[in-house]
Amino acid sequence: MLKDISLLLERCIRREQKAWDEFVEKFSGLLYYSARERLRRSGFMFGKQDIEDIVQIVFTEILEKGRLRDIRDRAKIKAWLSIMAQTRALNYMRKKKERLLYQEEFYKFDNMQIDANIGLDEGMIKRVEGLMEDFDARDKIILKLNIIHGKRHREIAEFMNISINTVSTIIARRKKILKKILKENM
């Protein structure tokens, strides 16, 4: 078994297409599982597409940067790949979180045009924005798109590239909190 893996790695290093295809088929499940479990343990919200992107990043880096040459003990290829997938998963989600934080700035109410069909005046918008101050960036974006712009859950899910169930859950939970705070302050 070890001899087969070592031979496969050598063929991949020589960039044989058949060997690379076999390598991807043999180890994609391990990478997928490792990335998914690392994200789950870290508390990141993620989707299937995120994990598939991470697996693709790992395979691309291995191929383009010749990372297979870096393996000292080929008997530990599975551990090496698992660690690589976990590390790339955390990096990927941190970058995604940074993009969401940047998008949060982009979606500040000052930068938005208020949809007249929603019926909120600017004072109410400022008040709601203040109440959402402690919400994380993604939740703020989702609520603003829903409350201010009147976007439907499906539209927000497509825009944010997350599941509609996630959007619906966030909206329901956060609106409940907002309503409670508004009642307490009246």
N, C-alpha and C. Protein backbone atom coordinates (compact mmCIF):
# COMPACT_ATOMS: atom_id res chain seq x y z
N MET A 1 0.83 -1.20 0.00
CA MET A 1 0.00 0.00 0.00
C MET A 1 0.87 1.25 0.00
N LEU A 2 1.86 1.31 0.91
CA LEU A 2 2.75 2.46 0.98
C LEU A 2 3.53 2.64 -0.32
N LYS A 3 3.94 1.50 -0.89
CA LYS A 3 4.69 1.55 -2.15
C LYS A 3 3.80 2.12 -3.25
N ASP A 4 2.51 1.73 -3.25
CA ASP A 4 1.57 2.24 -4.26
C ASP A 4 1.39 3.75 -4.13
N ILE A 5 1.25 4.22 -2.89
CA ILE A 5 1.07 5.66 -2.65
C ILE A 5 2.33 6.42 -3.03
N SER A 6 3.47 5.87 -2.66
CA SER A 6 4.74 6.51 -3.00
C SER A 6 4.91 6.62 -4.52
N LEU A 7 4.56 5.56 -5.22
CA LEU A 7 4.64 5.56 -6.68
C LEU A 7 3.66 6.58 -7.27
N LEU A 8 2.46 6.62 -6.72
CA LEU A 8 1.46 7.59 -7.18
C LEU A 8 1.97 9.02 -6.98
N LEU A 9 2.57 9.28 -5.84
CA LEU A 9 3.09 10.63 -5.57
C LEU A 9 4.21 10.98 -6.55
N GLU A 10 5.08 10.04 -6.83
CA GLU A 10 6.16 10.28 -7.79
C GLU A 10 5.59 10.62 -9.17
N ARG A 11 4.58 9.89 -9.56
CA ARG A 11 3.96 10.15 -10.87
C ARG A 11 3.27 11.52 -10.88
N CYS A 12 2.68 11.90 -9.76
CA CYS A 12 2.05 13.23 -9.65
C CYS A 12 3.11 14.33 -9.73
N ILE A 13 4.23 14.10 -9.07
CA ILE A 13 5.32 15.08 -9.11
C ILE A 13 5.81 15.27 -10.54
N ARG A 14 5.80 14.19 -11.31
CA ARG A 14 6.19 14.29 -12.73
C ARG A 14 5.06 14.86 -13.60
N ARG A 15 3.93 15.18 -12.93
CA ARG A 15 2.76 15.81 -13.58
C ARG A 15 2.08 14.92 -14.61
N GLU A 16 1.99 13.65 -14.32
CA GLU A 16 1.24 12.73 -15.18
C GLU A 16 -0.25 12.94 -14.91
N GLN A 17 -1.00 13.20 -15.94
CA GLN A 17 -2.43 13.51 -15.78
C GLN A 17 -3.20 12.35 -15.15
N LYS A 18 -2.95 11.13 -15.60
CA LYS A 18 -3.66 9.98 -15.03
C LYS A 18 -3.38 9.84 -13.53
N ALA A 19 -2.15 10.06 -13.15
CA ALA A 19 -1.77 9.97 -11.74
C ALA A 19 -2.48 11.05 -10.93
N TRP A 20 -2.51 12.25 -11.50
CA TRP A 20 -3.18 13.35 -10.80
C TRP A 20 -4.67 13.06 -10.63
N ASP A 21 -5.31 12.54 -11.67
CA ASP A 21 -6.73 12.19 -11.58
C ASP A 21 -6.96 11.15 -10.49
N GLU A 22 -6.07 10.16 -10.42
CA GLU A 22 -6.18 9.12 -9.40
C GLU A 22 -5.96 9.72 -8.00
N PHE A 23 -5.01 10.62 -7.88
CA PHE A 23 -4.72 11.29 -6.62
C PHE A 23 -5.95 12.06 -6.13
N VAL A 24 -6.55 12.82 -7.03
CA VAL A 24 -7.74 13.61 -6.67
C VAL A 24 -8.87 12.69 -6.24
N GLU A 25 -9.09 11.62 -6.99
CA GLU A 25 -10.16 10.69 -6.66
C GLU A 25 -9.90 10.00 -5.31
N LYS A 26 -8.66 9.67 -5.07
CA LYS A 26 -8.30 8.93 -3.86
C LYS A 26 -8.41 9.79 -2.59
N PHE A 27 -8.06 11.09 -2.70
CA PHE A 27 -7.96 11.91 -1.50
C PHE A 27 -8.99 13.04 -1.37
N SER A 28 -9.86 13.20 -2.33
CA SER A 28 -10.83 14.30 -2.23
C SER A 28 -11.78 14.12 -1.04
N GLY A 29 -12.17 12.90 -0.76
CA GLY A 29 -13.05 12.64 0.38
C GLY A 29 -12.39 13.02 1.70
N LEU A 30 -11.13 12.69 1.84
CA LEU A 30 -10.38 13.03 3.05
C LEU A 30 -10.29 14.54 3.22
N LEU A 31 -9.98 15.24 2.14
CA LEU A 31 -9.88 16.70 2.20
C LEU A 31 -11.24 17.32 2.56
N TYR A 32 -12.29 16.81 1.94
CA TYR A 32 -13.63 17.33 2.20
C TYR A 32 -13.98 17.14 3.68
N TYR A 33 -13.78 15.92 4.17
CA TYR A 33 -14.10 15.61 5.57
C TYR A 33 -13.26 16.48 6.53
N SER A 34 -11.96 16.59 6.27
CA SER A 34 -11.07 17.36 7.15
C SER A 34 -11.47 18.83 7.20
N ALA A 35 -11.76 19.41 6.04
CA ALA A 35 -12.16 20.82 6.00
C ALA A 35 -13.49 21.02 6.72
N ARG A 36 -14.45 20.16 6.44
CA ARG A 36 -15.78 20.28 7.05
C ARG A 36 -15.72 20.18 8.57
N GLU A 37 -14.99 19.20 9.06
CA GLU A 37 -14.91 19.00 10.51
C GLU A 37 -14.18 20.14 11.20
N ARG A 38 -13.14 20.67 10.55
CA ARG A 38 -12.41 21.80 11.15
C ARG A 38 -13.30 23.03 11.24
N LEU A 39 -14.07 23.29 10.19
CA LEU A 39 -14.98 24.43 10.21
C LEU A 39 -16.06 24.24 11.26
N ARG A 40 -16.58 23.03 11.34
CA ARG A 40 -17.63 22.74 12.31
C ARG A 40 -17.12 22.96 13.74
N ARG A 41 -15.91 22.48 14.03
CA ARG A 41 -15.33 22.64 15.37
C ARG A 41 -15.00 24.09 15.68
N SER A 42 -14.74 24.87 14.66
CA SER A 42 -14.37 26.28 14.86
C SER A 42 -15.58 27.18 14.99
N GLY A 43 -16.76 26.65 14.73
CA GLY A 43 -17.97 27.44 14.88
C GLY A 43 -18.29 28.33 13.69
N PHE A 44 -17.62 28.14 12.57
CA PHE A 44 -17.93 28.92 11.37
C PHE A 44 -19.21 28.40 10.73
N MET A 45 -20.00 29.32 10.21
CA MET A 45 -21.16 28.94 9.42
C MET A 45 -20.65 28.70 8.00
N PHE A 46 -20.97 27.58 7.41
CA PHE A 46 -20.45 27.26 6.10
C PHE A 46 -21.46 26.43 5.32
N GLY A 47 -21.26 26.38 4.02
CA GLY A 47 -22.11 25.57 3.17
C GLY A 47 -21.27 24.57 2.39
N LYS A 48 -21.95 23.73 1.66
CA LYS A 48 -21.28 22.70 0.86
C LYS A 48 -20.33 23.36 -0.14
N GLN A 49 -20.76 24.47 -0.73
CA GLN A 49 -19.92 25.16 -1.72
C GLN A 49 -18.63 25.67 -1.09
N ASP A 50 -18.69 26.13 0.15
CA ASP A 50 -17.48 26.57 0.84
C ASP A 50 -16.47 25.43 0.95
N ILE A 51 -16.95 24.26 1.34
CA ILE A 51 -16.06 23.11 1.51
C ILE A 51 -15.49 22.69 0.17
N GLU A 52 -16.32 22.66 -0.86
CA GLU A 52 -15.83 22.30 -2.19
C GLU A 52 -14.78 23.31 -2.68
N ASP A 53 -14.98 24.58 -2.37
CA ASP A 53 -13.99 25.60 -2.74
C ASP A 53 -12.67 25.36 -2.02
N ILE A 54 -12.75 24.98 -0.76
CA ILE A 54 -11.54 24.72 0.03
C ILE A 54 -10.78 23.53 -0.54
N VAL A 55 -11.50 22.46 -0.86
CA VAL A 55 -10.87 21.28 -1.45
C VAL A 55 -10.18 21.66 -2.76
N GLN A 56 -10.85 22.47 -3.56
CA GLN A 56 -10.27 22.92 -4.83
C GLN A 56 -9.01 23.75 -4.59
N ILE A 57 -9.04 24.61 -3.58
CA ILE A 57 -7.87 25.42 -3.24
C ILE A 57 -6.69 24.51 -2.88
N VAL A 58 -6.94 23.49 -2.09
CA VAL A 58 -5.88 22.58 -1.67
C VAL A 58 -5.28 21.87 -2.89
N PHE A 59 -6.13 21.29 -3.73
CA PHE A 59 -5.62 20.58 -4.90
C PHE A 59 -4.87 21.51 -5.84
N THR A 60 -5.39 22.71 -6.03
CA THR A 60 -4.73 23.67 -6.91
C THR A 60 -3.35 24.05 -6.37
N GLU A 61 -3.29 24.30 -5.07
CA GLU A 61 -2.00 24.65 -4.46
C GLU A 61 -1.00 23.50 -4.57
N ILE A 62 -1.45 22.29 -4.33
CA ILE A 62 -0.57 21.12 -4.42
C ILE A 62 -0.01 21.00 -5.83
N LEU A 63 -0.87 21.17 -6.81
CA LEU A 63 -0.43 21.02 -8.21
C LEU A 63 0.44 22.18 -8.65
N GLU A 64 -0.05 23.40 -8.47
CA GLU A 64 0.66 24.56 -9.00
C GLU A 64 1.96 24.85 -8.28
N LYS A 65 2.00 24.61 -6.99
CA LYS A 65 3.21 24.92 -6.23
C LYS A 65 4.09 23.71 -5.96
N GLY A 66 3.71 22.57 -6.54
CA GLY A 66 4.52 21.37 -6.38
C GLY A 66 4.70 20.94 -4.94
N ARG A 67 3.66 21.06 -4.14
CA ARG A 67 3.74 20.79 -2.70
C ARG A 67 4.05 19.32 -2.37
N LEU A 68 3.78 18.41 -3.30
CA LEU A 68 4.04 16.99 -3.00
C LEU A 68 5.53 16.74 -2.77
N ARG A 69 6.37 17.58 -3.31
CA ARG A 69 7.82 17.45 -3.07
C ARG A 69 8.17 17.74 -1.60
N ASP A 70 7.31 18.48 -0.92
CA ASP A 70 7.57 18.88 0.47
C ASP A 70 7.35 17.76 1.48
N ILE A 71 6.71 16.70 1.07
CA ILE A 71 6.37 15.62 2.01
C ILE A 71 7.62 14.82 2.34
N ARG A 72 7.97 14.81 3.61
CA ARG A 72 9.18 14.09 4.05
C ARG A 72 8.89 12.60 4.23
N ASP A 73 7.78 12.31 4.88
CA ASP A 73 7.43 10.91 5.16
C ASP A 73 6.15 10.58 4.40
N ARG A 74 6.30 9.92 3.30
CA ARG A 74 5.15 9.64 2.43
C ARG A 74 4.14 8.69 3.08
N ALA A 75 4.54 8.00 4.10
CA ALA A 75 3.61 7.13 4.82
C ALA A 75 2.56 7.97 5.56
N LYS A 76 2.88 9.25 5.76
CA LYS A 76 1.96 10.13 6.49
C LYS A 76 1.24 11.11 5.56
N ILE A 77 1.05 10.72 4.32
CA ILE A 77 0.40 11.60 3.33
C ILE A 77 -1.01 11.99 3.78
N LYS A 78 -1.74 11.07 4.36
CA LYS A 78 -3.11 11.37 4.78
C LYS A 78 -3.12 12.43 5.89
N ALA A 79 -2.24 12.31 6.84
CA ALA A 79 -2.15 13.30 7.91
C ALA A 79 -1.74 14.66 7.34
N TRP A 80 -0.77 14.64 6.44
CA TRP A 80 -0.29 15.88 5.81
C TRP A 80 -1.43 16.57 5.05
N LEU A 81 -2.18 15.80 4.27
CA LEU A 81 -3.31 16.37 3.51
C LEU A 81 -4.40 16.88 4.45
N SER A 82 -4.67 16.14 5.51
CA SER A 82 -5.70 16.56 6.46
C SER A 82 -5.34 17.88 7.12
N ILE A 83 -4.10 18.00 7.54
CA ILE A 83 -3.64 19.26 8.17
C ILE A 83 -3.70 20.41 7.17
N MET A 84 -3.30 20.13 5.95
CA MET A 84 -3.34 21.17 4.91
C MET A 84 -4.78 21.64 4.67
N ALA A 85 -5.71 20.69 4.59
CA ALA A 85 -7.12 21.04 4.36
C ALA A 85 -7.68 21.85 5.53
N GLN A 86 -7.33 21.46 6.74
CA GLN A 86 -7.82 22.18 7.92
C GLN A 86 -7.28 23.60 7.97
N THR A 87 -6.01 23.75 7.66
CA THR A 87 -5.40 25.08 7.66
C THR A 87 -6.02 25.96 6.59
N ARG A 88 -6.17 25.43 5.39
CA ARG A 88 -6.77 26.21 4.29
C ARG A 88 -8.23 26.55 4.59
N ALA A 89 -8.92 25.66 5.29
CA ALA A 89 -10.32 25.91 5.65
C ALA A 89 -10.42 27.12 6.57
N LEU A 90 -9.57 27.17 7.58
CA LEU A 90 -9.59 28.30 8.49
C LEU A 90 -9.21 29.60 7.78
N ASN A 91 -8.20 29.54 6.93
CA ASN A 91 -7.80 30.73 6.17
C ASN A 91 -8.93 31.21 5.26
N TYR A 92 -9.59 30.27 4.60
CA TYR A 92 -10.69 30.59 3.70
C TYR A 92 -11.82 31.30 4.45
N MET A 93 -12.20 30.77 5.59
CA MET A 93 -13.32 31.35 6.33
C MET A 93 -12.95 32.69 6.94
N ARG A 94 -11.71 32.86 7.35
CA ARG A 94 -11.27 34.16 7.87
C ARG A 94 -11.36 35.21 6.76
N LYS A 95 -10.91 34.85 5.57
CA LYS A 95 -10.99 35.79 4.44
C LYS A 95 -12.44 36.08 4.10
N LYS A 96 -13.28 35.07 4.15
CA LYS A 96 -14.70 35.27 3.86
C LYS A 96 -15.32 36.20 4.89
N LYS A 97 -14.94 36.02 6.14
CA LYS A 97 -15.45 36.89 7.21
C LYS A 97 -14.98 38.33 6.98
N GLU A 98 -13.72 38.50 6.57
CA GLU A 98 -13.22 39.84 6.28
C GLU A 98 -14.00 40.48 5.14
N ARG A 99 -14.34 39.69 4.12
CA ARG A 99 -15.14 40.23 3.01
C ARG A 99 -16.51 40.66 3.50
N LEU A 100 -17.10 39.86 4.39
CA LEU A 100 -18.41 40.24 4.93
C LEU A 100 -18.32 41.51 5.75
N LEU A 101 -17.23 41.67 6.51
CA LEU A 101 -17.06 42.89 7.28
C LEU A 101 -16.92 44.09 6.35
N TYR A 102 -16.19 43.92 5.27
CA TYR A 102 -16.05 44.99 4.29
C TYR A 102 -17.42 45.29 3.67
N GLN A 103 -18.17 44.24 3.34
CA GLN A 103 -19.49 44.44 2.76
C GLN A 103 -20.40 45.15 3.75
N GLU A 104 -20.22 44.89 5.04
CA GLU A 104 -21.04 45.55 6.07
C GLU A 104 -20.84 47.06 5.95
N GLU A 105 -19.60 47.49 5.75
CA GLU A 105 -19.35 48.92 5.56
C GLU A 105 -20.06 49.42 4.30
N PHE A 106 -20.01 48.65 3.27
CA PHE A 106 -20.64 49.02 2.01
C PHE A 106 -22.15 49.19 2.17
N TYR A 107 -22.74 48.38 3.03
CA TYR A 107 -24.18 48.41 3.21
C TYR A 107 -24.65 49.30 4.34
N LYS A 108 -23.81 50.19 4.83
CA LYS A 108 -24.28 51.13 5.85
C LYS A 108 -25.48 51.89 5.31
N PHE A 109 -26.39 52.25 6.17
CA PHE A 109 -27.60 52.93 5.73
C PHE A 109 -27.29 54.23 5.00
N ASP A 110 -26.20 54.89 5.37
CA ASP A 110 -25.86 56.13 4.69
C ASP A 110 -25.63 55.91 3.20
N ASN A 111 -25.19 54.72 2.84
CA ASN A 111 -24.89 54.41 1.45
C ASN A 111 -26.10 53.85 0.71
N MET A 112 -27.21 53.67 1.41
CA MET A 112 -28.38 53.04 0.80
C MET A 112 -29.41 54.06 0.39
N GLN A 113 -30.08 53.71 -0.66
CA GLN A 113 -31.26 54.49 -1.01
C GLN A 113 -32.45 53.75 -0.43
N ILE A 114 -33.28 54.47 0.24
CA ILE A 114 -34.41 53.83 0.91
C ILE A 114 -35.49 53.52 -0.12
N ASP A 115 -35.99 52.32 -0.05
CA ASP A 115 -37.05 51.89 -0.94
C ASP A 115 -38.36 52.46 -0.40
N ALA A 116 -39.00 53.28 -1.19
CA ALA A 116 -40.23 53.96 -0.75
C ALA A 116 -41.35 52.97 -0.41
N ASN A 117 -41.29 51.78 -0.96
CA ASN A 117 -42.35 50.80 -0.71
C ASN A 117 -42.29 50.22 0.69
N ILE A 118 -41.18 50.36 1.36
CA ILE A 118 -41.04 49.76 2.69
C ILE A 118 -41.74 50.60 3.75
N GLY A 119 -41.72 51.90 3.61
CA GLY A 119 -42.45 52.76 4.53
C GLY A 119 -41.70 53.14 5.79
N LEU A 120 -40.41 52.97 5.84
CA LEU A 120 -39.62 53.39 7.00
C LEU A 120 -39.04 54.77 6.73
N ASP A 121 -39.17 55.64 7.72
CA ASP A 121 -38.54 56.95 7.55
C ASP A 121 -37.08 56.87 8.00
N GLU A 122 -36.33 57.91 7.70
CA GLU A 122 -34.89 57.88 8.01
C GLU A 122 -34.64 57.78 9.51
N GLY A 123 -35.49 58.38 10.33
CA GLY A 123 -35.32 58.29 11.77
C GLY A 123 -35.44 56.86 12.27
N MET A 124 -36.44 56.16 11.75
CA MET A 124 -36.64 54.75 12.14
C MET A 124 -35.47 53.90 11.65
N ILE A 125 -34.98 54.20 10.47
CA ILE A 125 -33.84 53.44 9.93
C ILE A 125 -32.63 53.61 10.83
N LYS A 126 -32.36 54.84 11.24
CA LYS A 126 -31.21 55.09 12.13
C LYS A 126 -31.38 54.36 13.46
N ARG A 127 -32.61 54.35 13.95
CA ARG A 127 -32.89 53.67 15.21
C ARG A 127 -32.65 52.16 15.09
N VAL A 128 -33.16 51.58 14.00
CA VAL A 128 -32.97 50.15 13.78
C VAL A 128 -31.49 49.84 13.61
N GLU A 129 -30.77 50.71 12.89
CA GLU A 129 -29.34 50.50 12.71
C GLU A 129 -28.63 50.49 14.07
N GLY A 130 -28.99 51.39 14.94
CA GLY A 130 -28.39 51.41 16.27
C GLY A 130 -28.69 50.15 17.06
N LEU A 131 -29.90 49.64 16.92
CA LEU A 131 -30.27 48.41 17.63
C LEU A 131 -29.51 47.19 17.12
N MET A 132 -29.11 47.24 15.85
CA MET A 132 -28.39 46.11 15.26
C MET A 132 -26.88 46.18 15.48
N GLU A 133 -26.43 47.16 16.21
CA GLU A 133 -25.00 47.40 16.38
C GLU A 133 -24.24 46.17 16.88
N ASP A 134 -24.84 45.40 17.76
CA ASP A 134 -24.15 44.23 18.33
C ASP A 134 -24.28 42.97 17.47
N PHE A 135 -25.07 43.02 16.40
CA PHE A 135 -25.22 41.86 15.52
C PHE A 135 -23.94 41.71 14.70
N ASP A 136 -23.65 40.46 14.28
CA ASP A 136 -22.46 40.29 13.45
C ASP A 136 -22.75 40.84 12.04
N ALA A 137 -21.68 41.06 11.28
CA ALA A 137 -21.76 41.75 10.00
C ALA A 137 -22.73 41.08 9.03
N ARG A 138 -22.66 39.76 8.94
CA ARG A 138 -23.53 39.05 8.00
C ARG A 138 -25.00 39.24 8.36
N ASP A 139 -25.32 39.13 9.65
CA ASP A 139 -26.70 39.31 10.07
C ASP A 139 -27.20 40.72 9.77
N LYS A 140 -26.35 41.71 9.97
CA LYS A 140 -26.73 43.10 9.66
C LYS A 140 -27.05 43.25 8.19
N ILE A 141 -26.21 42.70 7.33
CA ILE A 141 -26.43 42.81 5.89
C ILE A 141 -27.76 42.18 5.52
N ILE A 142 -28.00 40.98 6.03
CA ILE A 142 -29.24 40.26 5.71
C ILE A 142 -30.46 41.06 6.17
N LEU A 143 -30.42 41.56 7.40
CA LEU A 143 -31.55 42.33 7.92
C LEU A 143 -31.77 43.63 7.14
N LYS A 144 -30.70 44.30 6.81
CA LYS A 144 -30.83 45.55 6.06
C LYS A 144 -31.44 45.31 4.68
N LEU A 145 -30.99 44.25 4.04
CA LEU A 145 -31.56 43.94 2.73
C LEU A 145 -33.05 43.62 2.85
N ASN A 146 -33.42 42.94 3.93
CA ASN A 146 -34.81 42.56 4.11
C ASN A 146 -35.67 43.73 4.59
N ILE A 147 -35.23 44.40 5.65
CA ILE A 147 -36.04 45.46 6.27
C ILE A 147 -36.06 46.74 5.43
N ILE A 148 -34.89 47.17 4.99
CA ILE A 148 -34.80 48.46 4.30
C ILE A 148 -35.16 48.34 2.82
N HIS A 149 -34.60 47.33 2.18
CA HIS A 149 -34.81 47.19 0.74
C HIS A 149 -35.97 46.29 0.37
N GLY A 150 -36.53 45.61 1.36
CA GLY A 150 -37.68 44.77 1.08
C GLY A 150 -37.35 43.55 0.23
N LYS A 151 -36.11 43.11 0.29
CA LYS A 151 -35.71 41.94 -0.50
C LYS A 151 -36.26 40.67 0.13
N ARG A 152 -36.68 39.77 -0.73
CA ARG A 152 -37.19 38.48 -0.26
C ARG A 152 -36.04 37.58 0.18
N HIS A 153 -36.36 36.59 0.96
CA HIS A 153 -35.36 35.68 1.49
C HIS A 153 -34.54 35.04 0.37
N ARG A 154 -35.21 34.61 -0.68
CA ARG A 154 -34.52 33.95 -1.80
C ARG A 154 -33.54 34.91 -2.47
N GLU A 155 -33.93 36.15 -2.65
CA GLU A 155 -33.04 37.14 -3.28
C GLU A 155 -31.79 37.36 -2.42
N ILE A 156 -31.99 37.44 -1.12
CA ILE A 156 -30.86 37.65 -0.21
C ILE A 156 -29.94 36.43 -0.24
N ALA A 157 -30.53 35.25 -0.22
CA ALA A 157 -29.73 34.02 -0.24
C ALA A 157 -28.88 33.95 -1.50
N GLU A 158 -29.45 34.29 -2.63
CA GLU A 158 -28.69 34.27 -3.88
C GLU A 158 -27.59 35.33 -3.85
N PHE A 159 -27.91 36.52 -3.37
CA PHE A 159 -26.94 37.60 -3.31
C PHE A 159 -25.77 37.26 -2.39
N MET A 160 -26.09 36.69 -1.22
CA MET A 160 -25.07 36.39 -0.21
C MET A 160 -24.39 35.04 -0.45
N ASN A 161 -24.95 34.26 -1.37
CA ASN A 161 -24.43 32.93 -1.68
C ASN A 161 -24.47 32.01 -0.45
N ILE A 162 -25.62 32.04 0.23
CA ILE A 162 -25.86 31.14 1.35
C ILE A 162 -27.25 30.53 1.17
N SER A 163 -27.57 29.55 1.97
CA SER A 163 -28.86 28.87 1.81
C SER A 163 -30.02 29.76 2.25
N ILE A 164 -31.16 29.54 1.63
CA ILE A 164 -32.36 30.31 1.98
C ILE A 164 -32.78 29.99 3.41
N ASN A 165 -32.55 28.76 3.87
CA ASN A 165 -32.89 28.40 5.25
C ASN A 165 -32.08 29.21 6.25
N THR A 166 -30.81 29.43 5.94
CA THR A 166 -29.96 30.24 6.82
C THR A 166 -30.49 31.66 6.87
N VAL A 167 -30.82 32.22 5.71
CA VAL A 167 -31.34 33.58 5.65
C VAL A 167 -32.63 33.69 6.46
N SER A 168 -33.55 32.77 6.23
CA SER A 168 -34.84 32.80 6.93
C SER A 168 -34.66 32.69 8.44
N THR A 169 -33.77 31.83 8.87
CA THR A 169 -33.52 31.66 10.31
C THR A 169 -32.95 32.93 10.91
N ILE A 170 -31.97 33.52 10.25
CA ILE A 170 -31.35 34.75 10.76
C ILE A 170 -32.38 35.86 10.84
N ILE A 171 -33.17 36.03 9.80
CA ILE A 171 -34.19 37.09 9.80
C ILE A 171 -35.19 36.87 10.93
N ALA A 172 -35.68 35.66 11.07
CA ALA A 172 -36.68 35.38 12.10
C ALA A 172 -36.12 35.64 13.50
N ARG A 173 -34.93 35.15 13.77
CA ARG A 173 -34.34 35.31 15.11
C ARG A 173 -34.01 36.77 15.40
N ARG A 174 -33.42 37.44 14.45
CA ARG A 174 -32.99 38.82 14.68
C ARG A 174 -34.18 39.78 14.74
N LYS A 175 -35.20 39.56 13.94
CA LYS A 175 -36.40 40.41 14.02
C LYS A 175 -37.08 40.24 15.38
N LYS A 176 -37.07 39.04 15.90
CA LYS A 176 -37.65 38.79 17.21
C LYS A 176 -36.91 39.61 18.27
N ILE A 177 -35.58 39.63 18.18
CA ILE A 177 -34.78 40.41 19.13
C ILE A 177 -35.06 41.90 18.97
N LEU A 178 -35.12 42.36 17.71
CA LEU A 178 -35.39 43.78 17.46
C LEU A 178 -36.76 44.19 18.01
N LYS A 179 -37.76 43.37 17.79
CA LYS A 179 -39.11 43.68 18.28
C LYS A 179 -39.13 43.77 19.81
N LYS A 180 -38.42 42.86 20.45
CA LYS A 180 -38.35 42.86 21.90
C LYS A 180 -37.69 44.16 22.41
N ILE A 181 -36.60 44.53 21.79
CA ILE A 181 -35.88 45.75 22.20
C ILE A 181 -36.75 46.97 21.96
N LEU A 182 -37.43 47.02 20.82
CA LEU A 182 -38.29 48.17 20.51
C LEU A 182 -39.43 48.28 21.51
N LYS A 183 -40.03 47.16 21.91
CA LYS A 183 -41.12 47.19 22.89
C LYS A 183 -40.62 47.69 24.25
N GLU A 184 -39.42 47.24 24.63
CA GLU A 184 -38.84 47.64 25.91
C GLU A 184 -38.53 49.14 25.96
N ASN A 185 -38.22 49.71 24.80
CA ASN A 185 -37.83 51.13 24.73
C ASN A 185 -39.01 52.06 24.45
N MET A 186 -40.21 51.54 24.39
CA MET A 186 -41.37 52.39 24.11
C MET A 186 -42.00 52.88 25.37
